[in-house]
Amino acid sequence: RMTVLENVMVGLHTQIHAPGYMLGSAIGIGGKAERAARERARE
Protein backbone atom coordinates (compact mmCIF):
# COMPACT_ATOMS: atom_id res chain seq x y z
CA ARG A 1 0.00 0.00 0.00
CA MET A 2 3.03 2.27 -0.22
CA THR A 3 4.51 3.87 -3.32
CA VAL A 4 7.63 2.65 -5.05
CA LEU A 5 9.59 5.60 -3.65
CA GLU A 6 8.33 5.03 -0.11
CA ASN A 7 9.31 1.36 -0.26
CA VAL A 8 12.85 2.33 -1.20
CA MET A 9 12.97 4.94 1.57
CA VAL A 10 12.11 2.26 4.14
CA GLY A 11 15.51 0.72 3.41
CA LEU A 12 17.15 3.88 4.73
CA HIS A 13 15.43 4.15 8.10
CA THR A 14 18.38 2.70 10.03
CA GLN A 15 20.89 5.02 8.38
CA ILE A 16 19.30 8.46 8.38
CA HIS A 17 20.11 9.92 11.78
CA ALA A 18 17.96 12.78 12.96
CA PRO A 19 15.87 13.53 16.07
CA GLY A 20 12.55 11.75 15.75
CA TYR A 21 13.39 10.11 12.42
CA MET A 22 11.75 6.70 12.09
CA LEU A 23 9.84 4.56 9.64
CA GLY A 24 6.98 7.01 9.79
CA SER A 25 9.03 9.64 7.96
CA ALA A 26 8.85 7.47 4.88
CA ILE A 27 5.09 8.00 4.73
CA GLY A 28 4.92 11.75 4.86
CA ILE A 29 6.41 13.26 8.02
CA GLY A 30 8.54 16.16 6.79
CA GLY A 31 11.98 17.40 7.71
CA LYS A 32 15.58 17.37 6.58
CA ALA A 33 15.99 13.63 7.20
CA GLU A 34 13.04 12.76 5.00
CA ARG A 35 14.28 15.00 2.19
CA ALA A 36 17.69 13.32 2.32
CA ALA A 37 16.09 9.88 2.26
CA ARG A 38 13.81 10.86 -0.61
CA GLU A 39 16.76 12.10 -2.68
CA ARG A 40 18.77 8.94 -2.10
CA ALA A 41 15.75 6.78 -2.91
CA ARG A 42 15.22 8.59 -6.21
CA GLU A 43 18.90 8.11 -7.08
ModelCIF file with pLDDT and N, C-alpha, C, O atoms, coordinates in Angstrom:
data_MODEL
#
_entry.id   MODEL 
#
_entity.id                         1 
_entity.type                       polymer 
_entity.pdbx_number_of_molecules   1 
#
_entity_poly.entity_id                      1 
_entity_poly.type                           'polypeptide(L)' 
_entity_poly.nstd_linkage                   no 
_entity_poly.nstd_monomer                   no 
_entity_poly.pdbx_seq_one_letter_code       RMTVLENVMVGLHTQIHAPGYMLGSAIGIGGKAERAARERARE 
_entity_poly.pdbx_seq_one_letter_code_can   RMTVLENVMVGLHTQIHAPGYMLGSAIGIGGKAERAARERARE 
_entity_poly.pdbx_strand_id                 A 
#
loop_
_entity_poly_seq.entity_id 
_entity_poly_seq.num 
_entity_poly_seq.mon_id 
_entity_poly_seq.hetero 
1 1  ARG n 
1 2  MET n 
1 3  THR n 
1 4  VAL n 
1 5  LEU n 
1 6  GLU n 
1 7  ASN n 
1 8  VAL n 
1 9  MET n 
1 10 VAL n 
1 11 GLY n 
1 12 LEU n 
1 13 HIS n 
1 14 THR n 
1 15 GLN n 
1 16 ILE n 
1 17 HIS n 
1 18 ALA n 
1 19 PRO n 
1 20 GLY n 
1 21 TYR n 
1 22 MET n 
1 23 LEU n 
1 24 GLY n 
1 25 SER n 
1 26 ALA n 
1 27 ILE n 
1 28 GLY n 
1 29 ILE n 
1 30 GLY n 
1 31 GLY n 
1 32 LYS n 
1 33 ALA n 
1 34 GLU n 
1 35 ARG n 
1 36 ALA n 
1 37 ALA n 
1 38 ARG n 
1 39 GLU n 
1 40 ARG n 
1 41 ALA n 
1 42 ARG n 
1 43 GLU n 
#
_struct_asym.id          A 
_struct_asym.entity_id   1 
#
loop_
_ma_qa_metric.id 
_ma_qa_metric.mode 
_ma_qa_metric.name 
_ma_qa_metric.software_group_id 
_ma_qa_metric.type 
1 global pLDDT . pLDDT 
2 local  pLDDT . pLDDT 
#
_ma_qa_metric_global.metric_id      1 
_ma_qa_metric_global.metric_value   71.93 
_ma_qa_metric_global.model_id       1 
_ma_qa_metric_global.ordinal_id     1 
#
loop_
_ma_qa_metric_local.label_asym_id 
_ma_qa_metric_local.label_comp_id 
_ma_qa_metric_local.label_seq_id 
_ma_qa_metric_local.metric_id 
_ma_qa_metric_local.metric_value 
_ma_qa_metric_local.model_id 
_ma_qa_metric_local.ordinal_id 
A ARG 1  2 87.00 1 1  
A MET 2  2 92.00 1 2  
A THR 3  2 95.00 1 3  
A VAL 4  2 96.00 1 4  
A LEU 5  2 95.00 1 5  
A GLU 6  2 93.00 1 6  
A ASN 7  2 93.00 1 7  
A VAL 8  2 94.00 1 8  
A MET 9  2 92.00 1 9  
A VAL 10 2 86.00 1 10 
A GLY 11 2 79.00 1 11 
A LEU 12 2 82.00 1 12 
A HIS 13 2 67.00 1 13 
A THR 14 2 60.00 1 14 
A GLN 15 2 57.00 1 15 
A ILE 16 2 57.00 1 16 
A HIS 17 2 50.00 1 17 
A ALA 18 2 42.00 1 18 
A PRO 19 2 38.00 1 19 
A GLY 20 2 41.00 1 20 
A TYR 21 2 42.00 1 21 
A MET 22 2 43.00 1 22 
A LEU 23 2 47.00 1 23 
A GLY 24 2 48.00 1 24 
A SER 25 2 45.00 1 25 
A ALA 26 2 46.00 1 26 
A ILE 27 2 48.00 1 27 
A GLY 28 2 50.00 1 28 
A ILE 29 2 48.00 1 29 
A GLY 30 2 57.00 1 30 
A GLY 31 2 74.00 1 31 
A LYS 32 2 79.00 1 32 
A ALA 33 2 77.00 1 33 
A GLU 34 2 79.00 1 34 
A ARG 35 2 84.00 1 35 
A ALA 36 2 85.00 1 36 
A ALA 37 2 87.00 1 37 
A ARG 38 2 90.00 1 38 
A GLU 39 2 92.00 1 39 
A ARG 40 2 92.00 1 40 
A ALA 41 2 94.00 1 41 
A ARG 42 2 95.00 1 42 
A GLU 43 2 95.00 1 43 
#
loop_
_atom_site.group_PDB 
_atom_site.id 
_atom_site.type_symbol 
_atom_site.label_atom_id 
_atom_site.label_alt_id 
_atom_site.label_comp_id 
_atom_site.label_asym_id 
_atom_site.label_entity_id 
_atom_site.label_seq_id 
_atom_site.pdbx_PDB_ins_code 
_atom_site.Cartn_x 
_atom_site.Cartn_y 
_atom_site.Cartn_z 
_atom_site.occupancy 
_atom_site.B_iso_or_equiv 
_atom_site.pdbx_formal_charge 
_atom_site.auth_seq_id 
_atom_site.auth_comp_id 
_atom_site.auth_asym_id 
_atom_site.auth_atom_id 
_atom_site.pdbx_PDB_model_num 
ATOM 1   N N  . ARG A 1 1  ? 0.810  -1.219 0.000  1.00 87.00 ? 1  ARG A N  1 
ATOM 2   C CA . ARG A 1 1  ? 0.000  0.000  0.000  1.00 87.00 ? 1  ARG A CA 1 
ATOM 3   C C  . ARG A 1 1  ? 0.846  1.274  0.000  1.00 87.00 ? 1  ARG A C  1 
ATOM 4   O O  . ARG A 1 1  ? 0.316  2.378  0.122  1.00 87.00 ? 1  ARG A O  1 
ATOM 5   N N  . MET A 1 2  ? 2.143  1.116  -0.136 1.00 92.00 ? 2  MET A N  1 
ATOM 6   C CA . MET A 1 2  ? 3.031  2.270  -0.217 1.00 92.00 ? 2  MET A CA 1 
ATOM 7   C C  . MET A 1 2  ? 3.504  2.445  -1.647 1.00 92.00 ? 2  MET A C  1 
ATOM 8   O O  . MET A 1 2  ? 3.416  1.514  -2.448 1.00 92.00 ? 2  MET A O  1 
ATOM 9   N N  . THR A 1 3  ? 4.005  3.626  -1.976 1.00 95.00 ? 3  THR A N  1 
ATOM 10  C CA . THR A 1 3  ? 4.511  3.872  -3.319 1.00 95.00 ? 3  THR A CA 1 
ATOM 11  C C  . THR A 1 3  ? 5.879  3.223  -3.498 1.00 95.00 ? 3  THR A C  1 
ATOM 12  O O  . THR A 1 3  ? 6.516  2.788  -2.538 1.00 95.00 ? 3  THR A O  1 
ATOM 13  N N  . VAL A 1 4  ? 6.307  3.172  -4.744 1.00 96.00 ? 4  VAL A N  1 
ATOM 14  C CA . VAL A 1 4  ? 7.635  2.647  -5.053 1.00 96.00 ? 4  VAL A CA 1 
ATOM 15  C C  . VAL A 1 4  ? 8.700  3.425  -4.297 1.00 96.00 ? 4  VAL A C  1 
ATOM 16  O O  . VAL A 1 4  ? 9.595  2.834  -3.693 1.00 96.00 ? 4  VAL A O  1 
ATOM 17  N N  . LEU A 1 5  ? 8.605  4.755  -4.330 1.00 95.00 ? 5  LEU A N  1 
ATOM 18  C CA . LEU A 1 5  ? 9.594  5.597  -3.654 1.00 95.00 ? 5  LEU A CA 1 
ATOM 19  C C  . LEU A 1 5  ? 9.591  5.343  -2.151 1.00 95.00 ? 5  LEU A C  1 
ATOM 20  O O  . LEU A 1 5  ? 10.654 5.228  -1.541 1.00 95.00 ? 5  LEU A O  1 
ATOM 21  N N  . GLU A 1 6  ? 8.413  5.255  -1.553 1.00 93.00 ? 6  GLU A N  1 
ATOM 22  C CA . GLU A 1 6  ? 8.326  5.028  -0.114 1.00 93.00 ? 6  GLU A CA 1 
ATOM 23  C C  . GLU A 1 6  ? 8.928  3.689  0.285  1.00 93.00 ? 6  GLU A C  1 
ATOM 24  O O  . GLU A 1 6  ? 9.574  3.581  1.327  1.00 93.00 ? 6  GLU A O  1 
ATOM 25  N N  . ASN A 1 7  ? 8.717  2.669  -0.543 1.00 93.00 ? 7  ASN A N  1 
ATOM 26  C CA . ASN A 1 7  ? 9.312  1.364  -0.263 1.00 93.00 ? 7  ASN A CA 1 
ATOM 27  C C  . ASN A 1 7  ? 10.830 1.428  -0.258 1.00 93.00 ? 7  ASN A C  1 
ATOM 28  O O  . ASN A 1 7  ? 11.478 0.783  0.567  1.00 93.00 ? 7  ASN A O  1 
ATOM 29  N N  . VAL A 1 8  ? 11.395 2.195  -1.166 1.00 94.00 ? 8  VAL A N  1 
ATOM 30  C CA . VAL A 1 8  ? 12.853 2.331  -1.204 1.00 94.00 ? 8  VAL A CA 1 
ATOM 31  C C  . VAL A 1 8  ? 13.337 3.118  0.015  1.00 94.00 ? 8  VAL A C  1 
ATOM 32  O O  . VAL A 1 8  ? 14.380 2.800  0.587  1.00 94.00 ? 8  VAL A O  1 
ATOM 33  N N  . MET A 1 9  ? 12.587 4.138  0.410  1.00 92.00 ? 9  MET A N  1 
ATOM 34  C CA . MET A 1 9  ? 12.965 4.941  1.575  1.00 92.00 ? 9  MET A CA 1 
ATOM 35  C C  . MET A 1 9  ? 12.988 4.121  2.863  1.00 92.00 ? 9  MET A C  1 
ATOM 36  O O  . MET A 1 9  ? 13.772 4.406  3.768  1.00 92.00 ? 9  MET A O  1 
ATOM 37  N N  . VAL A 1 10 ? 12.136 3.110  2.948  1.00 86.00 ? 10 VAL A N  1 
ATOM 38  C CA . VAL A 1 10 ? 12.110 2.258  4.136  1.00 86.00 ? 10 VAL A CA 1 
ATOM 39  C C  . VAL A 1 10 ? 13.475 1.624  4.370  1.00 86.00 ? 10 VAL A C  1 
ATOM 40  O O  . VAL A 1 10 ? 13.878 1.416  5.514  1.00 86.00 ? 10 VAL A O  1 
ATOM 41  N N  . GLY A 1 11 ? 14.191 1.316  3.282  1.00 79.00 ? 11 GLY A N  1 
ATOM 42  C CA . GLY A 1 11 ? 15.507 0.717  3.409  1.00 79.00 ? 11 GLY A CA 1 
ATOM 43  C C  . GLY A 1 11 ? 16.550 1.643  4.004  1.00 79.00 ? 11 GLY A C  1 
ATOM 44  O O  . GLY A 1 11 ? 17.665 1.212  4.295  1.00 79.00 ? 11 GLY A O  1 
ATOM 45  N N  . LEU A 1 12 ? 16.206 2.907  4.188  1.00 82.00 ? 12 LEU A N  1 
ATOM 46  C CA . LEU A 1 12 ? 17.146 3.883  4.725  1.00 82.00 ? 12 LEU A CA 1 
ATOM 47  C C  . LEU A 1 12 ? 16.886 4.234  6.175  1.00 82.00 ? 12 LEU A C  1 
ATOM 48  O O  . LEU A 1 12 ? 17.619 5.037  6.752  1.00 82.00 ? 12 LEU A O  1 
ATOM 49  N N  . HIS A 1 13 ? 15.857 3.651  6.781  1.00 67.00 ? 13 HIS A N  1 
ATOM 50  C CA . HIS A 1 13 ? 15.431 4.147  8.096  1.00 67.00 ? 13 HIS A CA 1 
ATOM 51  C C  . HIS A 1 13 ? 16.453 3.879  9.198  1.00 67.00 ? 13 HIS A C  1 
ATOM 52  O O  . HIS A 1 13 ? 16.411 4.539  10.237 1.00 67.00 ? 13 HIS A O  1 
ATOM 53  N N  . THR A 1 14 ? 17.363 2.935  9.002  1.00 60.00 ? 14 THR A N  1 
ATOM 54  C CA . THR A 1 14 ? 18.382 2.698  10.034 1.00 60.00 ? 14 THR A CA 1 
ATOM 55  C C  . THR A 1 14 ? 19.621 3.563  9.834  1.00 60.00 ? 14 THR A C  1 
ATOM 56  O O  . THR A 1 14 ? 20.505 3.594  10.689 1.00 60.00 ? 14 THR A O  1 
ATOM 57  N N  . GLN A 1 15 ? 19.683 4.268  8.696  1.00 57.00 ? 15 GLN A N  1 
ATOM 58  C CA . GLN A 1 15 ? 20.893 5.018  8.383  1.00 57.00 ? 15 GLN A CA 1 
ATOM 59  C C  . GLN A 1 15 ? 20.726 6.523  8.472  1.00 57.00 ? 15 GLN A C  1 
ATOM 60  O O  . GLN A 1 15 ? 21.707 7.235  8.687  1.00 57.00 ? 15 GLN A O  1 
ATOM 61  N N  . ILE A 1 16 ? 19.520 7.023  8.314  1.00 57.00 ? 16 ILE A N  1 
ATOM 62  C CA . ILE A 1 16 ? 19.298 8.460  8.376  1.00 57.00 ? 16 ILE A CA 1 
ATOM 63  C C  . ILE A 1 16 ? 19.135 8.855  9.836  1.00 57.00 ? 16 ILE A C  1 
ATOM 64  O O  . ILE A 1 16 ? 18.143 8.504  10.475 1.00 57.00 ? 16 ILE A O  1 
ATOM 65  N N  . HIS A 1 17 ? 20.105 9.581  10.356 1.00 50.00 ? 17 HIS A N  1 
ATOM 66  C CA . HIS A 1 17 ? 20.106 9.917  11.778 1.00 50.00 ? 17 HIS A CA 1 
ATOM 67  C C  . HIS A 1 17 ? 19.622 11.354 11.981 1.00 50.00 ? 17 HIS A C  1 
ATOM 68  O O  . HIS A 1 17 ? 20.263 12.317 11.561 1.00 50.00 ? 17 HIS A O  1 
ATOM 69  N N  . ALA A 1 18 ? 18.488 11.459 12.627 1.00 42.00 ? 18 ALA A N  1 
ATOM 70  C CA . ALA A 1 18 ? 17.959 12.780 12.958 1.00 42.00 ? 18 ALA A CA 1 
ATOM 71  C C  . ALA A 1 18 ? 16.987 12.612 14.104 1.00 42.00 ? 18 ALA A C  1 
ATOM 72  O O  . ALA A 1 18 ? 16.382 11.549 14.237 1.00 42.00 ? 18 ALA A O  1 
ATOM 73  N N  . PRO A 1 19 ? 16.812 13.648 14.954 1.00 38.00 ? 19 PRO A N  1 
ATOM 74  C CA . PRO A 1 19 ? 15.872 13.534 16.069 1.00 38.00 ? 19 PRO A CA 1 
ATOM 75  C C  . PRO A 1 19 ? 14.480 13.188 15.567 1.00 38.00 ? 19 PRO A C  1 
ATOM 76  O O  . PRO A 1 19 ? 13.930 13.881 14.711 1.00 38.00 ? 19 PRO A O  1 
ATOM 77  N N  . GLY A 1 20 ? 13.913 12.111 16.104 1.00 41.00 ? 20 GLY A N  1 
ATOM 78  C CA . GLY A 1 20 ? 12.554 11.749 15.754 1.00 41.00 ? 20 GLY A CA 1 
ATOM 79  C C  . GLY A 1 20 ? 12.407 11.022 14.437 1.00 41.00 ? 20 GLY A C  1 
ATOM 80  O O  . GLY A 1 20 ? 11.292 10.664 14.059 1.00 41.00 ? 20 GLY A O  1 
ATOM 81  N N  . TYR A 1 21 ? 13.522 10.786 13.709 1.00 42.00 ? 21 TYR A N  1 
ATOM 82  C CA . TYR A 1 21 ? 13.386 10.107 12.420 1.00 42.00 ? 21 TYR A CA 1 
ATOM 83  C C  . TYR A 1 21 ? 13.102 8.631  12.652 1.00 42.00 ? 21 TYR A C  1 
ATOM 84  O O  . TYR A 1 21 ? 13.785 7.975  13.440 1.00 42.00 ? 21 TYR A O  1 
ATOM 85  N N  . MET A 1 22 ? 12.095 8.113  11.964 1.00 43.00 ? 22 MET A N  1 
ATOM 86  C CA . MET A 1 22 ? 11.749 6.697  12.086 1.00 43.00 ? 22 MET A CA 1 
ATOM 87  C C  . MET A 1 22 ? 11.034 6.303  10.812 1.00 43.00 ? 22 MET A C  1 
ATOM 88  O O  . MET A 1 22 ? 10.937 7.079  9.861  1.00 43.00 ? 22 MET A O  1 
ATOM 89  N N  . LEU A 1 23 ? 10.532 5.065  10.817 1.00 47.00 ? 23 LEU A N  1 
ATOM 90  C CA . LEU A 1 23 ? 9.842  4.557  9.641  1.00 47.00 ? 23 LEU A CA 1 
ATOM 91  C C  . LEU A 1 23 ? 8.726  5.481  9.199  1.00 47.00 ? 23 LEU A C  1 
ATOM 92  O O  . LEU A 1 23 ? 8.455  5.599  8.004  1.00 47.00 ? 23 LEU A O  1 
ATOM 93  N N  . GLY A 1 24 ? 8.084  6.130  10.136 1.00 48.00 ? 24 GLY A N  1 
ATOM 94  C CA . GLY A 1 24 ? 6.977  7.005  9.789  1.00 48.00 ? 24 GLY A CA 1 
ATOM 95  C C  . GLY A 1 24 ? 7.361  8.120  8.843  1.00 48.00 ? 24 GLY A C  1 
ATOM 96  O O  . GLY A 1 24 ? 6.511  8.603  8.095  1.00 48.00 ? 24 GLY A O  1 
ATOM 97  N N  . SER A 1 25 ? 8.626  8.550  8.849  1.00 45.00 ? 25 SER A N  1 
ATOM 98  C CA . SER A 1 25 ? 9.028  9.638  7.964  1.00 45.00 ? 25 SER A CA 1 
ATOM 99  C C  . SER A 1 25 ? 8.929  9.245  6.514  1.00 45.00 ? 25 SER A C  1 
ATOM 100 O O  . SER A 1 25 ? 8.827  10.099 5.633  1.00 45.00 ? 25 SER A O  1 
ATOM 101 N N  . ALA A 1 26 ? 8.960  7.935  6.262  1.00 46.00 ? 26 ALA A N  1 
ATOM 102 C CA . ALA A 1 26 ? 8.853  7.473  4.880  1.00 46.00 ? 26 ALA A CA 1 
ATOM 103 C C  . ALA A 1 26 ? 7.441  7.616  4.342  1.00 46.00 ? 26 ALA A C  1 
ATOM 104 O O  . ALA A 1 26 ? 7.224  7.467  3.140  1.00 46.00 ? 26 ALA A O  1 
ATOM 105 N N  . ILE A 1 27 ? 6.473  7.902  5.209  1.00 48.00 ? 27 ILE A N  1 
ATOM 106 C CA . ILE A 1 27 ? 5.095  8.004  4.730  1.00 48.00 ? 27 ILE A CA 1 
ATOM 107 C C  . ILE A 1 27 ? 4.529  9.402  4.959  1.00 48.00 ? 27 ILE A C  1 
ATOM 108 O O  . ILE A 1 27 ? 3.325  9.580  5.144  1.00 48.00 ? 27 ILE A O  1 
ATOM 109 N N  . GLY A 1 28 ? 5.430  10.396 4.942  1.00 50.00 ? 28 GLY A N  1 
ATOM 110 C CA . GLY A 1 28 ? 4.923  11.748 4.864  1.00 50.00 ? 28 GLY A CA 1 
ATOM 111 C C  . GLY A 1 28 ? 5.280  12.715 5.958  1.00 50.00 ? 28 GLY A C  1 
ATOM 112 O O  . GLY A 1 28 ? 4.903  13.883 5.860  1.00 50.00 ? 28 GLY A O  1 
ATOM 113 N N  . ILE A 1 29 ? 5.984  12.309 7.000  1.00 48.00 ? 29 ILE A N  1 
ATOM 114 C CA . ILE A 1 29 ? 6.412  13.262 8.019  1.00 48.00 ? 29 ILE A CA 1 
ATOM 115 C C  . ILE A 1 29 ? 7.595  14.040 7.471  1.00 48.00 ? 29 ILE A C  1 
ATOM 116 O O  . ILE A 1 29 ? 8.582  13.432 7.057  1.00 48.00 ? 29 ILE A O  1 
ATOM 117 N N  . GLY A 1 30 ? 7.529  15.357 7.454  1.00 57.00 ? 30 GLY A N  1 
ATOM 118 C CA . GLY A 1 30 ? 8.538  16.162 6.794  1.00 57.00 ? 30 GLY A CA 1 
ATOM 119 C C  . GLY A 1 30 ? 9.835  16.275 7.563  1.00 57.00 ? 30 GLY A C  1 
ATOM 120 O O  . GLY A 1 30 ? 10.042 15.620 8.584  1.00 57.00 ? 30 GLY A O  1 
ATOM 121 N N  . GLY A 1 31 ? 10.723 17.148 7.029  1.00 74.00 ? 31 GLY A N  1 
ATOM 122 C CA . GLY A 1 31 ? 11.977 17.396 7.712  1.00 74.00 ? 31 GLY A CA 1 
ATOM 123 C C  . GLY A 1 31 ? 13.172 17.087 6.843  1.00 74.00 ? 31 GLY A C  1 
ATOM 124 O O  . GLY A 1 31 ? 13.059 16.472 5.782  1.00 74.00 ? 31 GLY A O  1 
ATOM 125 N N  . LYS A 1 32 ? 14.333 17.534 7.323  1.00 79.00 ? 32 LYS A N  1 
ATOM 126 C CA . LYS A 1 32 ? 15.585 17.365 6.583  1.00 79.00 ? 32 LYS A CA 1 
ATOM 127 C C  . LYS A 1 32 ? 15.916 15.900 6.337  1.00 79.00 ? 32 LYS A C  1 
ATOM 128 O O  . LYS A 1 32 ? 16.378 15.541 5.254  1.00 79.00 ? 32 LYS A O  1 
ATOM 129 N N  . ALA A 1 33 ? 15.682 15.050 7.338  1.00 77.00 ? 33 ALA A N  1 
ATOM 130 C CA . ALA A 1 33 ? 15.992 13.626 7.199  1.00 77.00 ? 33 ALA A CA 1 
ATOM 131 C C  . ALA A 1 33 ? 15.168 12.991 6.092  1.00 77.00 ? 33 ALA A C  1 
ATOM 132 O O  . ALA A 1 33 ? 15.682 12.207 5.294  1.00 77.00 ? 33 ALA A O  1 
ATOM 133 N N  . GLU A 1 34 ? 13.885 13.333 6.047  1.00 79.00 ? 34 GLU A N  1 
ATOM 134 C CA . GLU A 1 34 ? 13.041 12.757 5.000  1.00 79.00 ? 34 GLU A CA 1 
ATOM 135 C C  . GLU A 1 34 ? 13.482 13.231 3.622  1.00 79.00 ? 34 GLU A C  1 
ATOM 136 O O  . GLU A 1 34 ? 13.490 12.445 2.675  1.00 79.00 ? 34 GLU A O  1 
ATOM 137 N N  . ARG A 1 35 ? 13.845 14.488 3.498  1.00 84.00 ? 35 ARG A N  1 
ATOM 138 C CA . ARG A 1 35 ? 14.281 14.998 2.195  1.00 84.00 ? 35 ARG A CA 1 
ATOM 139 C C  . ARG A 1 35 ? 15.547 14.287 1.728  1.00 84.00 ? 35 ARG A C  1 
ATOM 140 O O  . ARG A 1 35 ? 15.689 13.969 0.548  1.00 84.00 ? 35 ARG A O  1 
ATOM 141 N N  . ALA A 1 36 ? 16.465 14.040 2.661  1.00 85.00 ? 36 ALA A N  1 
ATOM 142 C CA . ALA A 1 36 ? 17.690 13.322 2.319  1.00 85.00 ? 36 ALA A CA 1 
ATOM 143 C C  . ALA A 1 36 ? 17.375 11.901 1.880  1.00 85.00 ? 36 ALA A C  1 
ATOM 144 O O  . ALA A 1 36 ? 17.936 11.408 0.901  1.00 85.00 ? 36 ALA A O  1 
ATOM 145 N N  . ALA A 1 37 ? 16.475 11.245 2.604  1.00 87.00 ? 37 ALA A N  1 
ATOM 146 C CA . ALA A 1 37 ? 16.093 9.878  2.261  1.00 87.00 ? 37 ALA A CA 1 
ATOM 147 C C  . ALA A 1 37 ? 15.393 9.834  0.907  1.00 87.00 ? 37 ALA A C  1 
ATOM 148 O O  . ALA A 1 37 ? 15.618 8.923  0.111  1.00 87.00 ? 37 ALA A O  1 
ATOM 149 N N  . ARG A 1 38 ? 14.547 10.820 0.655  1.00 90.00 ? 38 ARG A N  1 
ATOM 150 C CA . ARG A 1 38 ? 13.814 10.861 -0.615 1.00 90.00 ? 38 ARG A CA 1 
ATOM 151 C C  . ARG A 1 38 ? 14.785 11.033 -1.789 1.00 90.00 ? 38 ARG A C  1 
ATOM 152 O O  . ARG A 1 38 ? 14.621 10.398 -2.831 1.00 90.00 ? 38 ARG A O  1 
ATOM 153 N N  . GLU A 1 39 ? 15.781 11.881 -1.619 1.00 92.00 ? 39 GLU A N  1 
ATOM 154 C CA . GLU A 1 39 ? 16.755 12.100 -2.685 1.00 92.00 ? 39 GLU A CA 1 
ATOM 155 C C  . GLU A 1 39 ? 17.561 10.826 -2.967 1.00 92.00 ? 39 GLU A C  1 
ATOM 156 O O  . GLU A 1 39 ? 17.771 10.459 -4.123 1.00 92.00 ? 39 GLU A O  1 
ATOM 157 N N  . ARG A 1 40 ? 18.004 10.166 -1.911 1.00 92.00 ? 40 ARG A N  1 
ATOM 158 C CA . ARG A 1 40 ? 18.770 8.937  -2.099 1.00 92.00 ? 40 ARG A CA 1 
ATOM 159 C C  . ARG A 1 40 ? 17.919 7.839  -2.714 1.00 92.00 ? 40 ARG A C  1 
ATOM 160 O O  . ARG A 1 40 ? 18.412 7.050  -3.521 1.00 92.00 ? 40 ARG A O  1 
ATOM 161 N N  . ALA A 1 41 ? 16.648 7.782  -2.342 1.00 94.00 ? 41 ALA A N  1 
ATOM 162 C CA . ALA A 1 41 ? 15.753 6.782  -2.911 1.00 94.00 ? 41 ALA A CA 1 
ATOM 163 C C  . ALA A 1 41 ? 15.550 7.031  -4.399 1.00 94.00 ? 41 ALA A C  1 
ATOM 164 O O  . ALA A 1 41 ? 15.544 6.088  -5.190 1.00 94.00 ? 41 ALA A O  1 
ATOM 165 N N  . ARG A 1 42 ? 15.385 8.284  -4.784 1.00 95.00 ? 42 ARG A N  1 
ATOM 166 C CA . ARG A 1 42 ? 15.215 8.594  -6.205 1.00 95.00 ? 42 ARG A CA 1 
ATOM 167 C C  . ARG A 1 42 ? 16.483 8.252  -6.992 1.00 95.00 ? 42 ARG A C  1 
ATOM 168 O O  . ARG A 1 42 ? 16.393 7.775  -8.123 1.00 95.00 ? 42 ARG A O  1 
ATOM 169 N N  . GLU A 1 43 ? 17.648 8.486  -6.416 1.00 95.00 ? 43 GLU A N  1 
ATOM 170 C CA . GLU A 1 43 ? 18.899 8.113  -7.077 1.00 95.00 ? 43 GLU A CA 1 
ATOM 171 C C  . GLU A 1 43 ? 18.960 6.604  -7.305 1.00 95.00 ? 43 GLU A C  1 
ATOM 172 O O  . GLU A 1 43 ? 19.943 6.101  -7.852 1.00 95.00 ? 43 GLU A O  1 
#
